[in-house]
Every structure is written in structure tokens, then in C-alpha cells.
């Protein structure tokens, strides 16, 4: 009897302890629930796809897991993110100060050599006639000054020259002078008139010669061709001076001015440079490349620069402008429609700031708005912090809350499979108040059903779409699902 009494007392003590523990646990659970209920939830998200947000709890549509709440007190009021010193070390975070700095602008662009069009000479036909002979019959051929180019036969000169010879025989100087002027008015070269006077015979053939050295830029006629007065026969260009036309982006427009000294060089002439000055800033922009153009006239006494050659052009002297607020260019995060940086304090807190940038030069970029001198910006590892900040909603999002797409589950037997649909005989789906039936479900791709075959007992998930109806999002054989 004494042993039974001791056992009874022990049982009562255990029961009392269990009851007390249950009561304490319940109180603890109640307290915890109260604390959590007091925290404001901003949204729910799947940690594996943090960019997608949902306005209520539930299962993740991407993974087989519950959505996680993001509480308001987890996001700093200033929209930043705090990273511990150990995490900073792991991420390789580096910072630099925003400073006042004079950016030494170094102009670097490419240019094309072209003919100095001011030196181009057009040689026309003197009168109506026939090209009897060509001495130069190919474009790009070099000719010397005075070299014959073509011989023309001009029969209409015969009558005027015979009349002039007849008047000269009369011995009247006034009439002879008037008849000579008539020959000149027909654009008859003085050389031809002198030959008429010297020989006393009409001269109907004339030799066209180059007035200066150059190359045949255009050949406008051929042997045997009939020509009319003033019709172009040859176009001769001189290479004593050439143009180089510089293509440069709009961002460097402030660097170039008329009179700026440049130095040009070519890969085909290593070690040689060609100095010059900007003679003109051309007004039109090249629409295909969105570049501006500048023209330089270069002396070319040895004909080393040929039309069509590419040159690299730099300013002879660095252009130094007044100091501006600047930071290292690698700190800039371009988002497509905005530019931002991560500003940090010594306590490990990083705050995203949108900035307006100006010109960039030598690894530095001008800051026009958003920062002040002395601010510290992240120059290395900022994209990793940017990802962390996006997870914590520190950076602005285009869609603050994305409505969750309702998903429904069921199990069924596969009846038919095509490339874009699957026919399932499914059991009742309580969430939609559907009874058991056989129906078609759309497939996003044929690969979604490659793991099942007709007759399989499957578990499946689907969404309802206004355009495609019921769309399969997950499909798995029941035997595999039970493993």
C-alpha cells in the first residue's frame, strides 16, 4: 500500500508539471502570436524569386514552399540596406569619395582622308565637236602640268577662221581686230588663233591639256564621242593639300573648336604624324552613326596621304576645363531609364541615390545632380548590394505588389496527349466546385508532358487563363510523387 501511495504522488506531480508546461507553452505561443500580429506585413514573396511579390500568404507558384512575409520593420525608412563588415569583406566592397576634380579632356577620334574639293578643276570642251583621241583614258591616272589629255576635232571653227583670214588680207587693222575678237568669243584658245595667223590655214583640231599636276578624279568622255560646248571632259584633283574629315560623338562637342590643334597618325605610316588645325565644324550630323564632323586642311607635299585612308586624331594639347563634381565611373549603375549609385556611411549602411551625370573622361564621370562633395560611393561589389537591396525592397520597383496567380491542384488519369494540350480524367476539384470530369488542359510546351504517358495516374497543378483556359503548370506521375 505504501508503494502504491508513492506511485500515485509521483503521477500527480508529473501531471502537474505537464499541465504547467502546457500552460506556459500556450502562453508563450499566445505572446509570440501577438508580437507577430503587431508587425505590419508589406507583402509576401518566394525567396527563390524575390522580384515577384504577392498580396496574401499561400503556396509559391514557382517552388513547393510557403510564401515568406516581408515586414515593414525589416526595411529601413530611408530605403537603404545594411551589410555587415564581414559581408562587405566577402563581397569585396570598395568605396571612393566624390570630389571636385578638373577633368582633362583628351579628344580621340577617327578621320577619313578626302580630296580637297577646293583644288578640283573641271576641264570642259571648248565647242561642239568630236573626241578624236584620248591621251589619258583611265580614272585615277596621275598627270603632270601641261600634259595632253585629249584631241578634239571642231569643224564649226572653219568658217569663222576663214572669214578672219580674208579680213586680214584686206589690211584694215580695225576690221581684223573685230574679226579676231569674234574668234575669242567662240572660246577659241589663243594658241589656235596664233596658229591660224602663222599658217594662214584654218585650225579645227585642238589639244586639251592639264593646267596643273594632279590625278584624274573623273573621266567623262571616250574616243569618238560627240561633245557640246562646255560639256565636262575631265575632273582633275590635286593632292598638295587634302581634307581630313573627323567623326566624333556629341559628348565631345565641347572639346573641339575652330582653330584647335590636332595631330593625325596612320597605321600604314608608323611613326609619322601630321599636324593641323580645325578649319571648320560642319553643321550637319551623320544620321546613320549619330556623329558630328569637323574638317581639317592638311599639307601633303609628298603625297603620302591618299583619299580614303583612315587616320587617328588627337588634340595636340589636353583641354583643361574648370573643376567639376566627379566620381569614379565604375560606381555608376545604369538601369536603362535612370542612373544611380550606392552611397555609404561608415556604419555599413548603403543607400541608393539617383544621379544626373555629365561628361565622362579618363575613368571619371561628372555628377550634375544627386551627390555632394565628400559623399562615399561604392565602386566595387555594388551590383551584389543592389541585388540584396532589391530583395529587401530598398530600391524602387515598377510594380510594388504583384497579384498572385491562383493555382489549383488535382489528380487524374491521362487520356490523350498532343503537342499543345493534354486530356485528363480528373477527380472533383473542391476549390473550383468542379465535379469529376474529363477535359482538355493547355500545355505551355510539349516538354511539359514528356514525363507522362497515356494511362498514367498523375498529380497536376493548373491556372485559369482567359485566353488559353486551363493551363498546366505542373505535371507528375503519381508513383514519382509518392517517392
Protein backbone atom coordinates (compact mmCIF):
# COMPACT_ATOMS: atom_id res chain seq x y z
CA UNK A 1 0.00 0.00 0.00
CA UNK A 2 2.84 2.40 0.77
CA UNK A 3 4.38 1.73 -2.64
CA UNK A 4 1.05 2.49 -4.37
CA UNK A 5 0.82 5.77 -2.47
CA UNK A 6 4.27 6.84 -3.63
CA UNK A 7 3.39 5.96 -7.26
CA UNK A 8 0.17 8.00 -7.04
CA UNK A 9 2.01 11.02 -5.67
CA UNK A 10 4.61 10.75 -8.46
CA UNK A 11 1.90 10.55 -11.12
CA UNK A 12 0.21 13.64 -9.70
CA UNK A 13 3.50 15.53 -9.76
CA UNK A 14 4.15 14.60 -13.41
CA UNK A 15 0.64 15.55 -14.37
CA UNK A 16 1.01 18.90 -12.62
CA UNK A 17 4.33 19.54 -14.39
CA UNK A 18 2.85 18.67 -17.74
CA UNK A 19 -0.10 20.91 -17.11
CA UNK A 20 2.15 23.76 -16.07
CA UNK A 21 4.34 23.23 -19.13
CA UNK A 22 1.31 23.16 -21.40
CA UNK A 23 0.01 26.35 -19.83
CA UNK A 24 3.41 28.06 -20.14
CA UNK A 25 3.82 26.93 -23.74
CA UNK A 26 0.37 28.13 -24.60
CA UNK A 27 1.08 31.49 -23.03
CA UNK A 28 4.40 31.70 -24.89
CA UNK A 29 2.69 30.82 -28.16
CA UNK A 30 0.00 33.39 -27.50
CA UNK A 31 2.61 36.04 -26.73
CA UNK A 32 4.59 35.20 -29.87
CA UNK A 33 1.46 35.27 -31.99
CA UNK A 34 0.56 38.64 -30.52
CA UNK A 35 4.02 40.03 -31.28
CA UNK A 36 3.88 38.78 -34.86
CA UNK A 37 0.35 40.03 -35.31
CA UNK A 38 1.51 43.50 -34.32
CA UNK A 39 4.16 43.55 -37.09
CA UNK A 40 2.99 45.11 -40.34
CA UNK A 41 3.44 42.87 -43.41
CA UNK A 42 4.35 44.70 -46.63
CA UNK A 43 3.96 41.71 -48.92
CA UNK A 44 4.78 38.00 -49.29
CA UNK A 45 7.49 36.63 -51.58
CA UNK A 46 9.30 33.49 -52.65
CA UNK A 47 12.96 33.72 -51.52
CA UNK A 48 13.99 31.93 -54.71
CA UNK A 49 12.31 34.61 -56.89
CA UNK A 50 12.36 37.75 -54.72
CA UNK A 51 11.39 40.08 -57.56
CA UNK A 52 7.82 38.72 -57.58
CA UNK A 53 5.57 39.94 -54.76
CA UNK A 54 2.18 38.75 -53.55
CA UNK A 55 -0.53 40.48 -51.54
CA UNK A 56 -1.53 37.44 -49.43
CA UNK A 57 0.09 34.32 -47.98
CA UNK A 58 -0.04 30.94 -49.63
CA UNK A 59 1.96 28.45 -51.64
CA UNK A 60 4.62 29.72 -54.04
CA UNK A 61 3.66 29.23 -57.70
CA UNK A 62 7.34 28.67 -58.52
CA UNK A 63 8.50 26.24 -55.81
CA UNK A 64 6.87 23.74 -53.48
CA UNK A 65 7.13 26.03 -50.43
CA UNK A 66 5.19 28.63 -48.49
CA UNK A 67 5.49 32.33 -49.28
CA UNK A 68 7.53 34.33 -46.76
CA UNK A 69 6.30 37.64 -45.30
CA UNK A 70 8.33 40.83 -45.63
CA UNK A 71 7.71 43.01 -42.58
CA UNK A 72 7.74 46.79 -42.63
CA UNK A 73 10.31 46.97 -39.81
CA UNK A 74 12.79 44.99 -41.94
CA UNK A 75 13.05 47.85 -44.45
CA UNK A 76 14.89 51.00 -43.32
CA UNK A 77 12.93 54.21 -43.56
CA UNK A 78 15.47 55.77 -45.92
CA UNK A 79 15.14 52.89 -48.40
CA UNK A 80 18.69 51.60 -47.82
CA UNK A 81 20.20 48.32 -46.80
CA UNK A 82 22.71 47.43 -44.09
CA UNK A 83 25.52 44.99 -44.79
CA UNK A 84 27.76 43.72 -42.02
CA UNK A 85 31.51 44.27 -42.18
CA UNK A 86 32.04 40.54 -42.69
CA UNK A 87 29.63 40.50 -45.63
CA UNK A 88 31.33 43.57 -47.07
CA UNK A 89 34.64 41.77 -46.93
CA UNK A 90 33.15 38.70 -48.60
CA UNK A 91 31.60 40.83 -51.32
CA UNK A 92 34.82 42.78 -51.90
CA UNK A 93 33.16 46.13 -51.29
CA UNK A 94 35.29 49.17 -52.19
CA UNK A 95 34.34 52.82 -51.90
CA UNK A 96 35.60 56.17 -53.18
CA UNK A 97 34.83 59.79 -52.37
CA UNK A 98 33.01 62.27 -54.58
CA UNK A 99 35.47 65.10 -55.19
CA UNK A 100 35.89 68.35 -57.07
CA UNK A 101 38.15 67.49 -59.98
CA UNK A 102 39.34 69.12 -63.19
CA UNK A 103 38.72 66.60 -65.96
CA UNK A 104 41.48 66.73 -68.58
CA UNK A 105 39.56 66.06 -71.75
CA UNK A 106 41.57 64.07 -74.28
CA UNK A 107 39.95 64.03 -77.69
CA UNK A 108 40.41 60.73 -79.50
CA UNK A 109 38.59 60.05 -82.75
CA UNK A 110 38.95 58.67 -86.26
CA UNK A 111 39.03 60.59 -89.52
CA UNK A 112 38.96 59.89 -93.24
CA UNK A 113 41.23 61.49 -95.81
CA UNK A 114 39.36 63.04 -98.73
CA UNK A 115 40.15 65.26 -101.68
CA UNK A 116 40.38 68.97 -101.07
CA UNK A 117 37.41 69.92 -103.20
CA UNK A 118 38.66 73.49 -103.45
CA UNK A 119 41.51 72.17 -105.60
CA UNK A 120 39.31 70.22 -108.02
CA UNK A 121 39.43 71.56 -111.62
CA UNK A 122 36.87 70.82 -114.33
CA UNK A 123 38.14 70.78 -117.93
CA UNK A 124 35.29 71.31 -120.45
CA UNK A 125 35.01 71.08 -124.23
CA UNK A 126 35.73 74.38 -125.97
CA UNK A 127 32.98 73.96 -128.63
CA UNK A 128 30.76 71.40 -130.31
CA UNK A 129 32.89 68.64 -131.78
CA UNK A 130 34.18 65.08 -131.62
CA UNK A 131 36.75 63.48 -129.29
CA UNK A 132 39.25 62.36 -131.87
CA UNK A 133 41.87 60.95 -129.50
CA UNK A 134 42.34 60.39 -125.76
CA UNK A 135 45.83 60.56 -124.30
CA UNK A 136 44.53 59.76 -120.80
CA UNK A 137 41.89 57.06 -120.79
CA UNK A 138 41.63 55.85 -117.16
CA UNK A 139 40.39 57.45 -113.93
CA UNK A 140 42.86 57.94 -111.04
CA UNK A 141 45.71 58.38 -113.56
CA UNK A 142 48.30 60.95 -112.48
CA UNK A 143 49.07 63.74 -114.95
CA UNK A 144 51.69 66.49 -114.95
CA UNK A 145 51.04 70.16 -115.58
CA UNK A 146 50.78 70.80 -119.36
CA UNK A 147 50.40 67.12 -120.23
CA UNK A 148 47.99 66.50 -123.18
CA UNK A 149 44.71 64.85 -122.22
CA UNK A 150 42.64 64.68 -125.43
CA UNK A 151 42.45 65.93 -129.01
CA UNK A 152 39.15 67.39 -130.26
CA UNK A 153 38.01 67.99 -133.83
CA UNK A 154 35.80 71.09 -134.04
CA UNK A 155 34.62 71.62 -137.68
CA UNK A 156 32.39 74.61 -136.83
CA UNK A 157 35.52 76.72 -136.30
CA UNK A 158 36.37 76.52 -140.02
CA UNK A 159 34.01 79.24 -141.30
CA UNK A 160 34.94 81.78 -138.60
CA UNK A 161 38.70 81.23 -139.15
CA UNK A 162 38.38 81.55 -142.97
CA UNK A 163 36.47 84.81 -142.52
CA UNK A 164 39.18 86.13 -140.22
CA UNK A 165 41.91 85.23 -142.74
CA UNK A 166 40.01 87.03 -145.53
CA UNK A 167 39.62 90.18 -143.43
CA UNK A 168 43.33 90.16 -142.58
CA UNK A 169 44.20 90.15 -146.28
CA UNK A 170 42.33 93.44 -146.70
CA UNK A 171 44.88 95.14 -144.49
CA UNK A 172 42.27 97.01 -142.40
CA UNK A 173 43.53 96.75 -138.82
CA UNK A 174 40.17 97.70 -137.28
CA UNK A 175 38.28 95.05 -139.22
CA UNK A 176 40.99 92.49 -138.47
CA UNK A 177 40.78 93.27 -134.74
CA UNK A 178 36.98 92.86 -134.78
CA UNK A 179 37.22 89.53 -136.63
CA UNK A 180 39.82 88.31 -134.12
CA UNK A 181 37.51 89.17 -131.21
CA UNK A 182 34.79 87.06 -132.85
CA UNK A 183 37.14 84.07 -132.68
CA UNK A 184 37.80 84.72 -128.99
CA UNK A 185 34.04 84.93 -128.31
CA UNK A 186 33.75 81.37 -129.60
CA UNK A 187 36.11 80.25 -126.76
CA UNK A 188 38.85 79.57 -129.30
CA UNK A 189 42.17 79.17 -127.41
CA UNK A 190 44.77 81.90 -128.08
CA UNK A 191 47.18 79.16 -129.21
CA UNK A 192 44.79 78.14 -132.02
CA UNK A 193 44.33 81.77 -133.14
CA UNK A 194 48.09 82.27 -133.35
CA UNK A 195 48.44 79.09 -135.44
CA UNK A 196 45.77 80.40 -137.84
CA UNK A 197 47.67 83.68 -138.17
CA UNK A 198 51.02 81.93 -138.59
CA UNK A 199 49.95 79.26 -141.09
CA UNK A 200 47.18 81.12 -142.90
CA UNK A 201 45.08 77.93 -142.71
CA UNK A 202 42.03 77.04 -140.57
CA UNK A 203 42.90 75.04 -137.45
CA UNK A 204 39.99 72.75 -136.46
CA UNK A 205 41.84 70.44 -134.12
CA UNK A 206 42.68 71.41 -130.57
CA UNK A 207 44.65 69.59 -127.85
CA UNK A 208 43.23 69.73 -124.31
CA UNK A 209 45.99 69.91 -121.69
CA UNK A 210 46.20 69.71 -117.87
CA UNK A 211 46.72 73.13 -116.35
CA UNK A 212 48.31 71.66 -113.19
CA UNK A 213 49.52 68.38 -111.80
CA UNK A 214 47.05 66.02 -110.22
CA UNK A 215 45.10 62.85 -110.81
CA UNK A 216 42.05 62.25 -112.99
CA UNK A 217 39.23 62.23 -110.48
CA UNK A 218 36.55 61.79 -113.17
CA UNK A 219 36.75 60.81 -116.84
CA UNK A 220 33.56 61.97 -118.55
CA UNK A 221 34.19 61.02 -122.20
CA UNK A 222 35.60 58.40 -124.57
CA UNK A 223 37.22 58.40 -128.04
CA UNK A 224 34.70 59.04 -130.82
CA UNK A 225 32.17 60.66 -128.53
CA UNK A 226 30.42 63.83 -129.68
CA UNK A 227 30.64 66.68 -127.20
CA UNK A 228 28.93 70.03 -126.90
CA UNK A 229 30.41 73.31 -125.78
CA UNK A 230 31.21 73.50 -122.03
CA UNK A 231 30.47 69.75 -121.57
CA UNK A 232 32.82 68.33 -118.87
CA UNK A 233 35.59 66.11 -120.17
CA UNK A 234 37.91 65.65 -117.18
CA UNK A 235 37.95 66.43 -113.47
CA UNK A 236 41.45 66.81 -112.04
CA UNK A 237 42.17 66.85 -108.30
CA UNK A 238 45.36 67.97 -106.64
CA UNK A 239 46.85 66.26 -103.55
CA UNK A 240 49.19 69.02 -102.39
CA UNK A 241 46.55 69.64 -99.74
CA UNK A 242 43.96 67.17 -98.50
CA UNK A 243 40.97 67.29 -96.21
CA UNK A 244 40.61 65.00 -93.24
CA UNK A 245 37.03 64.72 -92.01
CA UNK A 246 36.79 63.81 -88.31
CA UNK A 247 33.80 61.86 -86.94
CA UNK A 248 33.23 62.49 -83.25
CA UNK A 249 30.34 61.85 -80.80
CA UNK A 250 28.09 64.56 -79.44
CA UNK A 251 29.56 64.08 -75.97
CA UNK A 252 32.88 65.52 -77.21
CA UNK A 253 31.37 68.52 -78.97
CA UNK A 254 32.57 70.87 -76.24
CA UNK A 255 36.17 69.76 -76.76
CA UNK A 256 36.60 70.83 -80.40
CA UNK A 257 36.73 74.43 -81.59
CA UNK A 258 37.73 76.09 -84.84
CA UNK A 259 41.49 76.54 -84.61
CA UNK A 260 42.08 73.61 -82.24
CA UNK A 261 45.42 71.98 -82.99
CA UNK A 262 45.30 68.27 -83.80
CA UNK A 263 47.79 65.52 -84.57
CA UNK A 264 46.85 62.77 -87.02
CA UNK A 265 48.55 59.41 -87.48
CA UNK A 266 48.03 56.31 -89.61
CA UNK A 267 48.75 52.62 -89.06
CA UNK A 268 50.06 52.47 -92.61
CA UNK A 269 52.69 55.12 -91.80
CA UNK A 270 54.03 54.11 -88.37
CA UNK A 271 56.00 56.75 -86.53
CA UNK A 272 54.78 59.63 -88.72
CA UNK A 273 52.39 62.33 -87.55
CA UNK A 274 50.58 65.04 -89.44
CA UNK A 275 49.80 68.26 -87.55
CA UNK A 276 46.91 70.53 -88.46
CA UNK A 277 44.17 72.84 -87.23
CA UNK A 278 40.40 72.51 -87.22
CA UNK A 279 39.27 74.71 -90.10
CA UNK A 280 35.52 74.07 -89.93
CA UNK A 281 32.96 72.41 -87.65
CA UNK A 282 30.44 71.04 -90.11
CA UNK A 283 26.80 71.81 -89.20
CA UNK A 284 25.10 68.53 -90.18
CA UNK A 285 25.05 65.36 -88.09
CA UNK A 286 25.58 61.97 -89.70
CA UNK A 287 22.19 60.31 -89.16
CA UNK A 288 23.42 56.71 -89.53
CA UNK A 289 26.18 56.98 -86.88
CA UNK A 290 24.82 59.96 -84.87
CA UNK A 291 28.20 61.67 -85.07
CA UNK A 292 29.29 65.21 -85.81
CA UNK A 293 32.00 66.11 -88.31
CA UNK A 294 34.92 68.51 -88.36
CA UNK A 295 37.20 69.38 -91.26
CA UNK A 296 40.96 69.87 -91.21
CA UNK A 297 43.10 71.03 -94.16
CA UNK A 298 46.47 69.27 -94.12
CA UNK A 299 49.54 70.00 -96.19
CA UNK A 300 50.52 66.89 -98.16
CA UNK A 301 53.69 67.78 -100.09
CA UNK A 302 54.94 64.20 -100.51
CA UNK A 303 51.51 62.78 -101.42
CA UNK A 304 51.66 60.28 -98.53
CA UNK A 305 48.05 60.83 -97.54
CA UNK A 306 45.65 59.30 -100.05
CA UNK A 307 41.86 59.83 -100.27
CA UNK A 308 40.04 57.08 -98.35
CA UNK A 309 42.79 56.46 -95.77
CA UNK A 310 41.78 56.20 -92.09
CA UNK A 311 43.60 58.33 -89.55
CA UNK A 312 43.53 58.52 -85.78
CA UNK A 313 43.20 62.07 -84.50
CA UNK A 314 44.07 63.52 -81.10
CA UNK A 315 44.29 67.01 -79.71
CA UNK A 316 47.82 68.36 -79.68
CA UNK A 317 47.20 69.66 -76.13
CA UNK A 318 44.91 68.48 -73.33
CA UNK A 319 41.83 70.65 -72.84
CA UNK A 320 41.50 71.55 -69.15
CA UNK A 321 38.11 72.83 -68.02
CA UNK A 322 37.12 74.23 -64.58
CA UNK A 323 36.80 71.63 -61.77
CA UNK A 324 33.51 69.78 -61.52
CA UNK A 325 31.95 67.37 -59.02
CA UNK A 326 33.10 63.91 -60.13
CA UNK A 327 33.32 60.29 -59.06
CA UNK A 328 34.89 57.10 -60.49
CA UNK A 329 32.89 55.89 -63.46
CA UNK A 330 32.71 52.30 -62.16
CA UNK A 331 30.45 53.45 -59.30
CA UNK A 332 27.63 54.19 -61.74
CA UNK A 333 24.75 51.71 -62.03
CA UNK A 334 22.84 52.17 -65.29
CA UNK A 335 19.26 50.87 -65.19
CA UNK A 336 18.17 51.83 -68.69
CA UNK A 337 15.95 54.75 -67.75
CA UNK A 338 17.98 56.13 -64.84
CA UNK A 339 21.44 56.22 -63.29
CA UNK A 340 22.10 55.57 -59.61
CA UNK A 341 24.88 54.97 -57.13
CA UNK A 342 25.10 53.41 -53.69
CA UNK A 343 26.13 55.92 -51.03
CA UNK A 344 27.55 54.53 -47.79
CA UNK A 345 28.36 55.72 -44.31
CA UNK A 346 30.97 54.22 -42.02
CA UNK A 347 28.29 52.17 -40.18
CA UNK A 348 27.83 49.77 -43.12
CA UNK A 349 24.54 51.26 -44.28
CA UNK A 350 24.10 51.65 -48.06
CA UNK A 351 21.54 53.98 -49.55
CA UNK A 352 20.63 54.08 -53.30
CA UNK A 353 20.66 57.58 -54.82
CA UNK A 354 19.56 58.56 -58.32
CA UNK A 355 22.03 60.87 -60.03
CA UNK A 356 22.26 63.01 -63.16
CA UNK A 357 25.62 62.56 -64.88
CA UNK A 358 27.56 64.71 -67.32
CA UNK A 359 30.64 64.07 -69.42
CA UNK A 360 32.90 61.09 -68.74
CA UNK A 361 36.66 61.23 -69.19
CA UNK A 362 39.62 59.07 -68.17
CA UNK A 363 37.57 56.83 -65.83
CA UNK A 364 35.77 59.73 -64.10
CA UNK A 365 32.24 60.97 -64.65
CA UNK A 366 30.79 64.38 -63.86
CA UNK A 367 27.89 64.49 -61.36
CA UNK A 368 25.40 67.25 -62.09
CA UNK A 369 22.77 66.29 -59.51
CA UNK A 370 22.22 63.85 -56.64
CA UNK A 371 25.52 63.89 -54.73
CA UNK A 372 27.68 66.36 -52.84
CA UNK A 373 31.40 66.63 -52.28
CA UNK A 374 32.68 64.14 -49.70
CA UNK A 375 29.98 61.50 -50.25
CA UNK A 376 31.29 57.94 -50.33
CA UNK A 377 30.09 55.79 -53.22
CA UNK A 378 30.54 52.06 -53.78
CA UNK A 379 32.90 51.31 -56.68
CA UNK A 380 33.22 47.53 -56.35
CA UNK A 381 30.57 44.99 -55.36
CA UNK A 382 27.73 47.45 -55.84
CA UNK A 383 25.79 45.10 -58.08
CA UNK A 384 25.71 42.45 -55.35
CA UNK A 385 24.45 45.01 -52.84
CA UNK A 386 21.98 46.14 -55.47
CA UNK A 387 20.61 42.60 -55.65
CA UNK A 388 20.36 42.41 -51.85
CA UNK A 389 18.65 45.80 -51.77
CA UNK A 390 16.15 44.67 -54.41
CA UNK A 391 15.35 41.64 -52.22
CA UNK A 392 14.67 43.94 -49.27
CA UNK A 393 12.68 46.46 -51.35
CA UNK A 394 15.31 49.13 -50.79
CA UNK A 395 15.38 50.09 -54.45
CA UNK A 396 12.34 51.37 -56.33
CA UNK A 397 10.27 48.77 -58.14
CA UNK A 398 8.00 49.35 -61.08
CA UNK A 399 5.29 47.13 -59.57
CA UNK A 400 5.16 47.30 -55.80
CA UNK A 401 2.68 44.44 -55.36
CA UNK A 402 2.01 41.75 -57.94
CA UNK A 403 -1.24 39.86 -57.54
CA UNK A 404 -0.76 36.14 -57.02
CA UNK A 405 -1.99 33.91 -59.84
CA UNK A 406 -4.39 31.36 -58.39
CA UNK A 407 -3.24 27.77 -58.78
CA UNK A 408 -5.35 24.68 -58.38
CA UNK A 409 -4.34 21.07 -57.78
CA UNK A 410 -5.84 17.72 -58.53
CA UNK A 411 -5.14 14.16 -59.55
CA UNK A 412 -6.26 12.43 -62.72
CA UNK A 413 -5.67 9.76 -65.34
CA UNK A 414 -4.06 10.77 -68.66
CA UNK A 415 -6.38 10.03 -71.62
CA UNK A 416 -4.62 11.74 -74.54
CA UNK A 417 -1.51 13.89 -75.21
CA UNK A 418 -0.89 16.30 -78.13
CA UNK A 419 1.77 18.96 -78.75
CA UNK A 420 -0.22 21.75 -77.09
CA UNK A 421 -2.77 20.01 -74.84
CA UNK A 422 -3.41 17.02 -72.58
CA UNK A 423 -6.74 15.34 -71.85
CA UNK A 424 -7.22 14.39 -68.19
CA UNK A 425 -9.98 12.49 -66.43
CA UNK A 426 -9.74 14.19 -63.06
CA UNK A 427 -11.42 13.83 -59.69
CA UNK A 428 -13.52 16.64 -58.18
CA UNK A 429 -11.64 19.94 -57.59
CA UNK A 430 -13.19 21.46 -54.48
CA UNK A 431 -11.56 24.91 -54.84
CA UNK A 432 -13.46 25.49 -58.09
CA UNK A 433 -16.51 23.39 -57.17
CA UNK A 434 -15.84 21.19 -60.19
CA UNK A 435 -17.10 17.67 -60.24
CA UNK A 436 -15.21 14.72 -61.67
CA UNK A 437 -14.93 15.05 -65.45
CA UNK A 438 -12.73 14.50 -68.49
CA UNK A 439 -11.45 17.72 -70.08
CA UNK A 440 -8.59 19.25 -72.06
CA UNK A 441 -5.81 21.29 -70.41
CA UNK A 442 -3.42 23.55 -72.38
CA UNK A 443 0.33 22.93 -72.29
CA UNK A 444 2.84 25.79 -72.37
CA UNK A 445 5.13 23.47 -74.37
CA UNK A 446 5.20 19.80 -75.36
CA UNK A 447 8.10 19.28 -72.93
CA UNK A 448 5.72 19.80 -70.00
CA UNK A 449 4.16 16.39 -70.65
CA UNK A 450 7.25 14.42 -71.65
CA UNK A 451 7.44 12.66 -68.27
CA UNK A 452 3.95 11.09 -68.53
CA UNK A 453 2.12 8.83 -70.96
CA UNK A 454 -1.46 7.81 -71.68
CA UNK A 455 -2.92 5.77 -68.81
CA UNK A 456 -0.68 7.26 -66.10
CA UNK A 457 -2.24 8.34 -62.80
CA UNK A 458 -0.85 11.88 -62.28
CA UNK A 459 -0.87 14.80 -59.86
CA UNK A 460 -1.18 18.17 -61.59
CA UNK A 461 -1.44 21.91 -60.98
CA UNK A 462 -3.04 24.44 -63.30
CA UNK A 463 -4.12 28.06 -63.65
CA UNK A 464 -7.12 29.58 -65.39
CA UNK A 465 -6.38 31.94 -68.28
CA UNK A 466 -8.97 33.97 -70.21
CA UNK A 467 -7.14 33.27 -73.45
CA UNK A 468 -5.96 29.66 -73.06
CA UNK A 469 -8.40 28.30 -70.49
CA UNK A 470 -6.95 25.78 -68.01
CA UNK A 471 -3.14 25.78 -68.37
CA UNK A 472 -0.94 23.06 -66.84
CA UNK A 473 1.83 24.43 -64.62
CA UNK A 474 3.00 21.18 -63.03
CA UNK A 475 2.52 17.56 -64.03
CA UNK A 476 3.96 14.48 -62.29
CA UNK A 477 3.21 10.74 -62.30
CA UNK A 478 1.60 9.70 -59.03
CA UNK A 479 4.23 6.96 -58.39
CA UNK A 480 7.02 9.53 -58.63
CA UNK A 481 5.16 12.00 -56.47
CA UNK A 482 4.81 9.38 -53.70
CA UNK A 483 8.55 8.62 -53.56
